[in-house]
Amino acid sequence: MRKQIVPILTAASLAALSTPASADAVTDRIAELERQIAELKAQVTSNKESIATQSVEIEEARPMAKGTKFTYGGYIQLDGITSDYSDGKPGNKLIDDFLVASLIPVEPASGPSDSYQSTNLSAKSSRFFFTTATNTDVGKISSRIELDFMLSSQGDERISNSWSSRLRHAFLQWDYDEGSSIMAGQSWSTFFNVGALPDNLDFVGPVGTIFVRQPQVRWTMGGLQLAVENAATRLNGVDWDNDHEGIPDLIARYNGNLGDLSWSVAGMGRELSYENRSDPAIEGDSDSQYGYALSFAGKWMLGMDDFRFMFNYGDALGRYMGLNIFNDGYVDAGGDIDTIDQWGGFLAYRHFWTPHWNSTFSISMAEADNPGVGDYAGADSLAKEYRSMHASLNYLPMPKLQFGGELVYASKELEDGRDGDMSRFQFAAKYAF
């Protein structure tokens, strides 16, 4: 268009200079020239709008970008843990790595015992994950696999500390519509609101928290989640069989928001069953029983600070709470399964002293309504209640680099009154990538 305008202006200028004309004639030529320029500008604008419309139509007709996106991440963490057990050396060293309340030694039936101290340095809590995400014509398909090095039976502390990796998560997810998805694989139980777990340095945290990862199929529809999850039964009084032959654990959960408060309520139905294998003379004896559990949890943002909570109740909480601090039930003298009413929970507050310094304080407890000696011969030796407290101070010079210290106190009491406690200081250096 500019090439058309320039000749017109040039011709008009020459005509004005070469031909004698009155002032009116010059004015008429200028007016005609302005009219032609206005028409050319309108044509240019129309062409631009047409090109823009065509671009939008092409963009809308273009299919969603295909291909797979790969990501990885994790963190490196060193833990230094010093523990003091009031009633002797634990029978399982697992408790030296993180709080497993059921392993706290209690006073022996023969009388008081000496306390026991241990110090442990470890990088086993370090972890690595790998994810994929693929856009398809039917929605996004993603996957995740995650490993760490806890609970390893390999390696030792003499020379190499060569701990083997273990599977934490391995699942695929199909987001077939906005807010709707199907997940299949191993991940956190749908019964567990992970977002409510306190920001403790301890690997697990409060004794009253839900804490389970397992294979499952989960259907999410907005705030509602429905899941079918792997079943396993642990009972007092018989050997237990992980090859559970009953129905899977059935879980429903709803996630909601109210201002700065995010919350969830979950319900679970379970079938408990066993086949007695402890006595060959009665091998084949079996029974099944149904139980339930409920959980209410959430996180309330208070500016930079936050308040987290969880409360759990049911007669089949069992292995879902506090790393199996109570069993799912017991087998009475007649060989029948009886469930046990249990409850547990925690309150936790995280406070930012400055943008680089924060602390988390949490208190927790859990209790069980165990059977009497007349119903179960080993009732006196069953755990009755647990308590725990955590207090930490963390320094983050940058968001992914953290140095922290945490004080932990936990106690365990049996039905016969014997008890024991553990006090601990944990230091951690962590870098996430």
Protein backbone atom coordinates (compact mmCIF):
# COMPACT_ATOMS: atom_id res chain seq x y z
CA MET A 1 0.00 0.00 0.00
CA ARG A 2 2.89 2.33 0.76
CA LYS A 3 4.13 1.78 -2.82
CA GLN A 4 0.73 3.00 -4.13
CA ILE A 5 0.61 6.08 -1.87
CA VAL A 6 4.07 7.37 -2.80
CA PRO A 7 3.39 7.68 -6.59
CA ILE A 8 0.11 9.45 -5.93
CA LEU A 9 1.78 12.01 -3.69
CA THR A 10 4.62 12.50 -6.19
CA ALA A 11 2.24 13.00 -9.13
CA ALA A 12 0.09 15.42 -7.24
CA SER A 13 3.10 17.45 -6.19
CA LEU A 14 4.45 17.67 -9.75
CA ALA A 15 1.03 18.64 -11.08
CA ALA A 16 0.74 21.39 -8.53
CA LEU A 17 4.16 22.75 -9.40
CA SER A 18 3.92 22.53 -13.21
CA THR A 19 0.37 23.79 -13.84
CA PRO A 20 -0.72 27.29 -12.98
CA ALA A 21 -3.84 27.05 -10.91
CA SER A 22 -5.93 29.06 -8.67
CA ALA A 23 -5.99 28.55 -4.91
CA ASP A 24 -9.34 26.76 -5.23
CA ALA A 25 -7.90 24.25 -7.69
CA VAL A 26 -4.99 23.46 -5.36
CA THR A 27 -7.43 22.98 -2.50
CA ASP A 28 -9.53 20.59 -4.59
CA ARG A 29 -6.47 18.53 -5.51
CA ILE A 30 -5.40 18.28 -1.87
CA ALA A 31 -8.91 17.18 -0.84
CA GLU A 32 -8.93 14.49 -3.55
CA LEU A 33 -5.51 13.31 -2.42
CA GLU A 34 -6.66 13.04 1.23
CA ARG A 35 -9.72 11.04 0.09
CA GLN A 36 -7.55 8.55 -1.80
CA ILE A 37 -5.16 8.19 1.17
CA ALA A 38 -8.14 7.52 3.51
CA GLU A 39 -9.39 4.78 1.15
CA LEU A 40 -5.97 3.16 1.08
CA LYS A 41 -5.71 3.23 4.90
CA ALA A 42 -9.13 1.58 5.20
CA GLN A 43 -8.07 -1.13 2.78
CA VAL A 44 -4.87 -1.78 4.77
CA THR A 45 -6.86 -2.08 8.02
CA SER A 46 -9.32 -4.48 6.40
CA ASN A 47 -6.50 -6.67 5.13
CA LYS A 48 -4.89 -6.83 8.59
CA GLU A 49 -8.18 -7.89 10.22
CA SER A 50 -8.68 -10.58 7.59
CA ILE A 51 -5.18 -11.97 8.19
CA ALA A 52 -5.75 -11.99 12.00
CA THR A 53 -9.06 -13.84 11.59
CA GLN A 54 -7.45 -16.44 9.37
CA SER A 55 -4.66 -16.93 11.97
CA VAL A 56 -7.20 -17.54 14.73
CA GLU A 57 -9.08 -20.04 12.56
CA ILE A 58 -5.86 -21.89 11.78
CA GLU A 59 -4.89 -21.95 15.49
CA GLU A 60 -8.32 -23.30 16.49
CA ALA A 61 -8.14 -26.00 13.83
CA ARG A 62 -4.65 -27.06 14.92
CA PRO A 63 -4.75 -30.21 17.16
CA MET A 64 -3.47 -30.15 20.76
CA ALA A 65 0.32 -30.40 20.95
CA LYS A 66 1.41 -34.01 21.20
CA GLY A 67 4.51 -35.53 22.77
CA THR A 68 5.73 -36.60 26.19
CA LYS A 69 7.28 -34.30 28.79
CA PHE A 70 9.81 -35.87 31.16
CA THR A 71 10.72 -34.43 34.57
CA TYR A 72 12.79 -35.62 37.49
CA GLY A 73 13.53 -34.42 40.98
CA GLY A 74 13.96 -35.35 44.61
CA TYR A 75 16.28 -34.34 47.39
CA ILE A 76 19.49 -35.25 49.19
CA GLN A 77 19.19 -35.35 52.98
CA LEU A 78 21.59 -36.16 55.79
CA ASP A 79 20.06 -36.98 59.18
CA GLY A 80 21.95 -36.97 62.45
CA ILE A 81 19.84 -38.59 65.21
CA THR A 82 20.62 -38.96 68.90
CA SER A 83 18.07 -40.97 70.91
CA ASP A 84 17.55 -41.88 74.55
CA TYR A 85 15.27 -44.81 75.44
CA SER A 86 14.11 -44.96 79.05
CA ASP A 87 13.76 -48.74 79.26
CA GLY A 88 16.54 -50.43 77.37
CA LYS A 89 17.67 -51.09 73.83
CA PRO A 90 14.97 -51.40 71.14
CA GLY A 91 14.57 -54.84 69.63
CA ASN A 92 14.40 -53.36 66.12
CA LYS A 93 16.90 -50.76 64.82
CA LEU A 94 14.27 -49.27 62.52
CA ILE A 95 13.27 -46.88 65.30
CA ASP A 96 16.77 -45.35 65.16
CA ASP A 97 15.93 -43.92 61.71
CA PHE A 98 12.48 -42.47 62.47
CA LEU A 99 9.76 -42.64 65.10
CA VAL A 100 8.05 -46.03 65.07
CA ALA A 101 6.10 -45.70 68.31
CA SER A 102 5.22 -49.39 68.57
CA LEU A 103 8.96 -50.19 68.89
CA ILE A 104 9.55 -48.00 71.97
CA PRO A 105 10.88 -50.34 74.69
CA VAL A 106 8.77 -50.58 77.85
CA GLU A 107 9.72 -51.67 81.34
CA PRO A 108 10.29 -55.44 81.41
CA ALA A 109 7.93 -57.57 83.50
CA SER A 110 10.92 -58.44 85.69
CA GLY A 111 11.40 -54.81 86.75
CA PRO A 112 13.09 -51.54 85.72
CA SER A 113 15.94 -51.59 83.22
CA ASP A 114 18.71 -49.17 82.36
CA SER A 115 18.24 -46.50 79.74
CA TYR A 116 19.90 -46.80 76.36
CA GLN A 117 21.40 -44.13 74.11
CA SER A 118 22.24 -44.28 70.41
CA THR A 119 23.58 -41.91 67.75
CA ASN A 120 23.06 -42.48 64.06
CA LEU A 121 24.09 -40.65 60.86
CA SER A 122 22.30 -41.59 57.66
CA ALA A 123 21.43 -40.38 54.17
CA LYS A 124 18.78 -43.08 53.64
CA SER A 125 15.86 -40.66 53.53
CA SER A 126 17.20 -39.13 50.28
CA ARG A 127 14.85 -39.78 47.37
CA PHE A 128 14.46 -39.55 43.60
CA PHE A 129 11.41 -39.39 41.35
CA PHE A 130 10.80 -39.51 37.61
CA THR A 131 7.56 -38.39 35.95
CA THR A 132 6.04 -38.27 32.48
CA ALA A 133 3.12 -36.30 31.05
CA THR A 134 1.63 -36.87 27.59
CA ASN A 135 -1.14 -34.86 25.94
CA THR A 136 -3.44 -37.04 23.84
CA ASP A 137 -6.76 -36.69 22.05
CA VAL A 138 -8.48 -38.25 25.10
CA GLY A 139 -6.75 -36.13 27.76
CA LYS A 140 -3.45 -36.04 29.64
CA ILE A 141 -1.78 -39.29 30.66
CA SER A 142 0.90 -39.00 33.36
CA SER A 143 3.02 -41.34 35.43
CA ARG A 144 5.37 -41.25 38.40
CA ILE A 145 7.93 -43.55 39.96
CA GLU A 146 9.69 -42.63 43.20
CA LEU A 147 12.39 -44.33 45.26
CA ASP A 148 14.19 -43.82 48.55
CA PHE A 149 16.54 -45.94 50.67
CA MET A 150 14.71 -46.42 53.97
CA LEU A 151 13.89 -49.84 55.49
CA SER A 152 16.78 -51.45 53.61
CA SER A 153 17.93 -54.90 54.69
CA GLN A 154 21.11 -54.54 52.64
CA GLY A 155 24.34 -52.79 53.54
CA ASP A 156 25.83 -52.13 56.94
CA GLU A 157 27.57 -49.29 58.77
CA ARG A 158 31.05 -50.86 58.90
CA ILE A 159 32.38 -49.83 55.50
CA SER A 160 30.11 -48.79 52.65
CA ASN A 161 26.59 -48.09 54.02
CA SER A 162 25.30 -49.46 50.71
CA TRP A 163 21.58 -49.30 51.31
CA SER A 164 19.31 -50.59 48.56
CA SER A 165 16.51 -48.52 47.08
CA ARG A 166 12.82 -49.26 47.70
CA LEU A 167 9.63 -48.40 45.85
CA ARG A 168 7.58 -45.52 47.24
CA HIS A 169 5.29 -44.58 44.35
CA ALA A 170 4.60 -46.17 40.96
CA PHE A 171 1.36 -45.10 39.26
CA LEU A 172 -0.26 -43.85 36.10
CA GLN A 173 -3.02 -41.23 35.91
CA TRP A 174 -5.47 -40.42 33.14
CA ASP A 175 -6.99 -36.92 33.34
CA TYR A 176 -9.85 -37.51 30.94
CA ASP A 177 -11.72 -34.29 31.76
CA GLU A 178 -11.19 -31.14 33.79
CA GLY A 179 -11.20 -32.14 37.47
CA SER A 180 -11.78 -35.82 36.63
CA SER A 181 -9.17 -38.57 36.56
CA ILE A 182 -8.45 -42.25 37.10
CA MET A 183 -5.25 -43.25 38.93
CA ALA A 184 -3.92 -46.83 39.07
CA GLY A 185 -0.81 -47.98 40.86
CA GLN A 186 0.91 -47.53 44.21
CA SER A 187 0.62 -44.22 46.03
CA TRP A 188 -0.65 -42.66 49.23
CA SER A 189 -3.88 -44.20 50.44
CA THR A 190 -6.94 -42.16 49.55
CA PHE A 191 -7.81 -42.35 53.26
CA PHE A 192 -4.71 -40.22 54.02
CA ASN A 193 -4.79 -36.43 53.51
CA VAL A 194 -1.06 -35.94 52.91
CA GLY A 195 -1.42 -32.15 52.82
CA ALA A 196 -2.35 -32.14 56.52
CA LEU A 197 0.84 -33.93 57.64
CA PRO A 198 2.98 -31.58 59.79
CA ASP A 199 6.25 -30.24 58.45
CA ASN A 200 8.38 -32.31 60.86
CA LEU A 201 11.96 -33.41 60.27
CA ASP A 202 11.07 -36.90 61.47
CA PHE A 203 10.35 -39.14 58.50
CA VAL A 204 6.75 -39.85 59.59
CA GLY A 205 5.83 -37.57 62.48
CA PRO A 206 2.88 -37.77 64.92
CA VAL A 207 1.84 -41.10 66.43
CA GLY A 208 -1.83 -40.39 65.65
CA THR A 209 -1.50 -39.72 61.93
CA ILE A 210 -2.77 -41.90 59.10
CA PHE A 211 0.24 -43.06 57.09
CA VAL A 212 -0.14 -45.71 54.34
CA ARG A 213 1.03 -46.20 50.76
CA GLN A 214 -0.38 -49.12 48.79
CA PRO A 215 -1.62 -50.32 45.37
CA GLN A 216 -5.03 -48.96 44.41
CA VAL A 217 -7.40 -47.71 41.73
CA ARG A 218 -8.76 -44.22 42.45
CA TRP A 219 -11.49 -42.31 40.65
CA THR A 220 -11.54 -38.52 41.16
CA MET A 221 -14.54 -36.36 40.24
CA GLY A 222 -13.92 -32.84 41.44
CA GLY A 223 -13.70 -32.96 45.23
CA LEU A 224 -14.95 -36.55 45.47
CA GLN A 225 -12.54 -39.50 45.40
CA LEU A 226 -13.51 -43.18 45.37
CA ALA A 227 -10.90 -45.91 45.70
CA VAL A 228 -10.41 -49.66 45.81
CA GLU A 229 -7.19 -50.41 47.70
CA ASN A 230 -5.04 -53.38 48.62
CA ALA A 231 -6.25 -55.25 51.71
CA ALA A 232 -4.09 -56.81 54.44
CA THR A 233 -5.09 -57.97 57.92
CA ARG A 234 -3.07 -57.93 61.13
CA LEU A 235 -4.70 -59.57 64.18
CA ASN A 236 -3.64 -60.28 67.74
CA GLY A 237 -3.70 -63.98 68.50
CA VAL A 238 -2.90 -65.56 65.11
CA ASP A 239 -0.29 -65.49 62.40
CA TRP A 240 -1.44 -63.13 59.67
CA ASP A 241 -1.58 -63.66 55.96
CA ASN A 242 -0.86 -60.82 53.54
CA ASP A 243 -2.54 -62.78 50.74
CA HIS A 244 -5.89 -61.42 51.84
CA GLU A 245 -8.65 -63.37 50.08
CA GLY A 246 -11.56 -61.09 50.95
CA ILE A 247 -12.71 -57.85 49.37
CA PRO A 248 -10.34 -54.87 48.90
CA ASP A 249 -10.49 -51.92 51.27
CA LEU A 250 -13.17 -49.49 50.02
CA ILE A 251 -12.55 -45.78 50.57
CA ALA A 252 -14.46 -42.58 49.84
CA ARG A 253 -13.08 -39.11 50.48
CA TYR A 254 -14.26 -35.57 49.86
CA ASN A 255 -11.90 -32.56 49.66
CA GLY A 256 -13.30 -29.10 50.30
CA ASN A 257 -12.22 -25.50 50.78
CA LEU A 258 -13.59 -22.72 52.94
CA GLY A 259 -11.59 -19.54 52.49
CA ASP A 260 -8.04 -20.26 53.68
CA LEU A 261 -9.10 -23.62 55.13
CA SER A 262 -8.68 -26.78 53.05
CA TRP A 263 -10.23 -29.88 54.59
CA SER A 264 -11.13 -33.48 53.88
CA VAL A 265 -13.42 -36.13 55.31
CA ALA A 266 -12.85 -39.80 54.52
CA GLY A 267 -14.63 -43.05 55.26
CA MET A 268 -13.39 -46.61 54.86
CA GLY A 269 -14.95 -50.07 54.96
CA ARG A 270 -12.70 -53.12 55.45
CA GLU A 271 -13.05 -56.85 55.62
CA LEU A 272 -10.70 -58.45 58.17
CA SER A 273 -9.96 -62.13 57.75
CA TYR A 274 -7.45 -64.78 58.78
CA GLU A 275 -6.42 -68.37 58.29
CA ASN A 276 -4.67 -69.76 61.37
CA ARG A 277 -1.20 -71.04 60.53
CA SER A 278 0.42 -70.96 63.97
CA ASP A 279 -0.77 -74.44 65.01
CA PRO A 280 -0.68 -77.25 62.39
CA ALA A 281 -3.28 -79.17 64.41
CA ILE A 282 -5.90 -76.48 63.69
CA GLU A 283 -4.60 -75.24 60.34
CA GLY A 284 -7.47 -74.14 58.20
CA ASP A 285 -9.44 -72.38 60.96
CA SER A 286 -10.55 -69.02 59.66
CA ASP A 287 -12.96 -66.14 60.14
CA SER A 288 -13.84 -62.78 58.65
CA GLN A 289 -15.30 -59.59 60.08
CA TYR A 290 -16.18 -56.16 58.73
CA GLY A 291 -14.97 -52.89 60.21
CA TYR A 292 -14.92 -49.17 59.45
CA ALA A 293 -12.86 -46.03 59.99
CA LEU A 294 -13.34 -42.27 59.62
CA SER A 295 -10.85 -39.43 59.23
CA PHE A 296 -11.19 -35.65 59.30
CA ALA A 297 -8.13 -33.58 58.41
CA GLY A 298 -7.13 -30.21 57.06
CA LYS A 299 -4.82 -27.25 56.78
CA TRP A 300 -5.68 -23.65 57.67
CA MET A 301 -3.43 -20.95 56.21
CA LEU A 302 -2.72 -18.03 58.53
CA GLY A 303 -0.73 -15.72 56.28
CA MET A 304 2.67 -17.41 55.94
CA ASP A 305 1.88 -19.61 58.98
CA ASP A 306 -0.43 -22.60 58.96
CA PHE A 307 -2.37 -24.81 61.36
CA ARG A 308 -2.79 -28.52 60.52
CA PHE A 309 -4.98 -31.13 62.14
CA MET A 310 -6.27 -34.68 61.88
CA PHE A 311 -8.70 -36.81 63.87
CA ASN A 312 -9.28 -40.52 63.19
CA TYR A 313 -11.76 -42.96 64.69
CA GLY A 314 -13.02 -46.46 63.95
CA ASP A 315 -13.00 -50.11 64.91
CA ALA A 316 -10.67 -51.08 62.05
CA LEU A 317 -8.11 -48.26 61.91
CA GLY A 318 -5.39 -50.78 62.71
CA ARG A 319 -2.50 -50.68 60.27
CA TYR A 320 -3.63 -47.35 58.78
CA MET A 321 -2.70 -45.29 61.85
CA GLY A 322 0.74 -44.48 63.23
CA LEU A 323 2.62 -47.23 61.33
CA ASN A 324 0.38 -49.97 62.72
CA ILE A 325 0.61 -48.92 66.39
CA PHE A 326 -2.50 -51.05 66.99
CA ASN A 327 -3.55 -54.19 65.17
CA ASP A 328 -6.80 -54.40 63.21
CA GLY A 329 -8.48 -56.60 65.84
CA TYR A 330 -8.03 -59.83 67.78
CA VAL A 331 -9.17 -63.44 67.69
CA ASP A 332 -11.09 -64.51 70.79
CA ALA A 333 -11.07 -67.92 72.47
CA GLY A 334 -13.73 -69.18 70.08
CA GLY A 335 -11.70 -68.30 66.99
CA ASP A 336 -13.87 -65.32 66.02
CA ILE A 337 -12.50 -61.94 64.99
CA ASP A 338 -13.44 -59.02 67.23
CA THR A 339 -12.64 -55.46 66.21
CA ILE A 340 -11.13 -52.82 68.54
CA ASP A 341 -12.38 -49.23 68.86
CA GLN A 342 -9.42 -46.91 68.28
CA TRP A 343 -8.85 -43.22 67.87
CA GLY A 344 -5.94 -40.86 67.26
CA GLY A 345 -5.07 -37.43 65.99
CA PHE A 346 -2.74 -34.46 66.08
CA LEU A 347 -2.56 -30.67 66.10
CA ALA A 348 0.37 -28.85 64.48
CA TYR A 349 1.33 -25.20 64.04
CA ARG A 350 4.04 -23.91 61.69
CA HIS A 351 5.30 -20.38 62.34
CA PHE A 352 7.63 -18.27 60.20
CA TRP A 353 9.85 -16.15 62.44
CA THR A 354 11.33 -14.54 59.31
CA PRO A 355 11.15 -15.52 55.62
CA HIS A 356 14.21 -17.74 56.23
CA TRP A 357 13.46 -19.15 59.71
CA ASN A 358 10.45 -21.26 60.71
CA SER A 359 9.36 -23.70 63.41
CA THR A 360 6.78 -26.47 63.64
CA PHE A 361 5.19 -27.57 66.91
CA SER A 362 2.96 -30.64 67.05
CA ILE A 363 1.24 -32.76 69.69
CA SER A 364 -0.39 -36.12 69.07
CA MET A 365 -2.01 -39.06 70.83
CA ALA A 366 -3.68 -42.38 70.08
CA GLU A 367 -5.62 -44.87 72.17
CA ALA A 368 -7.30 -48.27 71.81
CA ASP A 369 -10.17 -49.90 73.70
CA ASN A 370 -8.49 -53.29 74.06
CA PRO A 371 -10.25 -56.50 75.14
CA GLY A 372 -10.09 -57.82 78.67
CA VAL A 373 -8.07 -60.86 79.72
CA GLY A 374 -11.26 -62.93 79.68
CA ASP A 375 -11.72 -62.21 75.97
CA TYR A 376 -8.09 -62.40 74.91
CA ALA A 377 -5.37 -64.11 76.95
CA GLY A 378 -2.63 -61.66 75.95
CA ALA A 379 -4.66 -58.52 76.62
CA ASP A 380 -2.36 -57.23 79.39
CA SER A 381 0.57 -56.94 77.00
CA LEU A 382 -1.32 -54.94 74.36
CA ALA A 383 -0.43 -51.28 73.78
CA LYS A 384 -3.06 -49.00 75.33
CA GLU A 385 -1.96 -45.49 74.39
CA TYR A 386 0.77 -43.42 72.72
CA ARG A 387 1.83 -39.78 72.97
CA SER A 388 4.25 -37.69 70.91
CA MET A 389 5.51 -34.11 70.69
CA HIS A 390 7.71 -32.47 68.06
CA ALA A 391 9.36 -29.03 68.07
CA SER A 392 11.67 -27.86 65.28
CA LEU A 393 13.68 -24.86 64.14
CA ASN A 394 14.62 -24.63 60.46
CA TYR A 395 16.83 -22.27 58.47
CA LEU A 396 16.29 -21.92 54.72
CA PRO A 397 18.89 -19.59 53.14
CA MET A 398 17.11 -20.32 49.85
CA PRO A 399 13.81 -22.17 49.20
CA LYS A 400 15.38 -25.56 48.33
CA LEU A 401 18.22 -25.57 50.87
CA GLN A 402 17.34 -26.37 54.49
CA PHE A 403 19.17 -26.91 57.77
CA GLY A 404 17.10 -27.84 60.80
CA GLY A 405 16.95 -29.30 64.27
CA GLU A 406 14.05 -31.07 65.97
CA LEU A 407 13.28 -32.29 69.48
CA VAL A 408 11.03 -35.34 69.72
CA TYR A 409 9.41 -36.97 72.73
CA ALA A 410 7.20 -40.06 72.50
CA SER A 411 5.76 -42.51 75.02
CA LYS A 412 4.03 -45.89 75.02
CA GLU A 413 1.86 -47.51 77.70
CA LEU A 414 0.59 -51.09 77.92
CA GLU A 415 -2.67 -52.32 79.41
CA ASP A 416 -0.85 -53.71 82.48
CA GLY A 417 0.54 -50.25 83.30
CA ARG A 418 4.11 -50.77 82.09
CA ASP A 419 5.41 -47.94 79.97
CA GLY A 420 8.43 -46.48 78.27
CA ASP A 421 9.47 -43.32 76.48
CA MET A 422 11.94 -42.00 73.95
CA SER A 423 13.54 -38.56 73.70
CA ARG A 424 15.44 -37.53 70.58
CA PHE A 425 17.31 -34.74 68.87
CA GLN A 426 17.48 -34.80 65.08
CA PHE A 427 19.58 -32.61 62.80
CA ALA A 428 18.93 -32.55 59.07
CA ALA A 429 20.63 -30.96 56.05
CA LYS A 430 18.52 -31.11 52.90
CA TYR A 431 18.77 -29.89 49.31
CA ALA A 432 15.88 -30.41 46.89
CA PHE A 433 16.42 -30.46 43.13
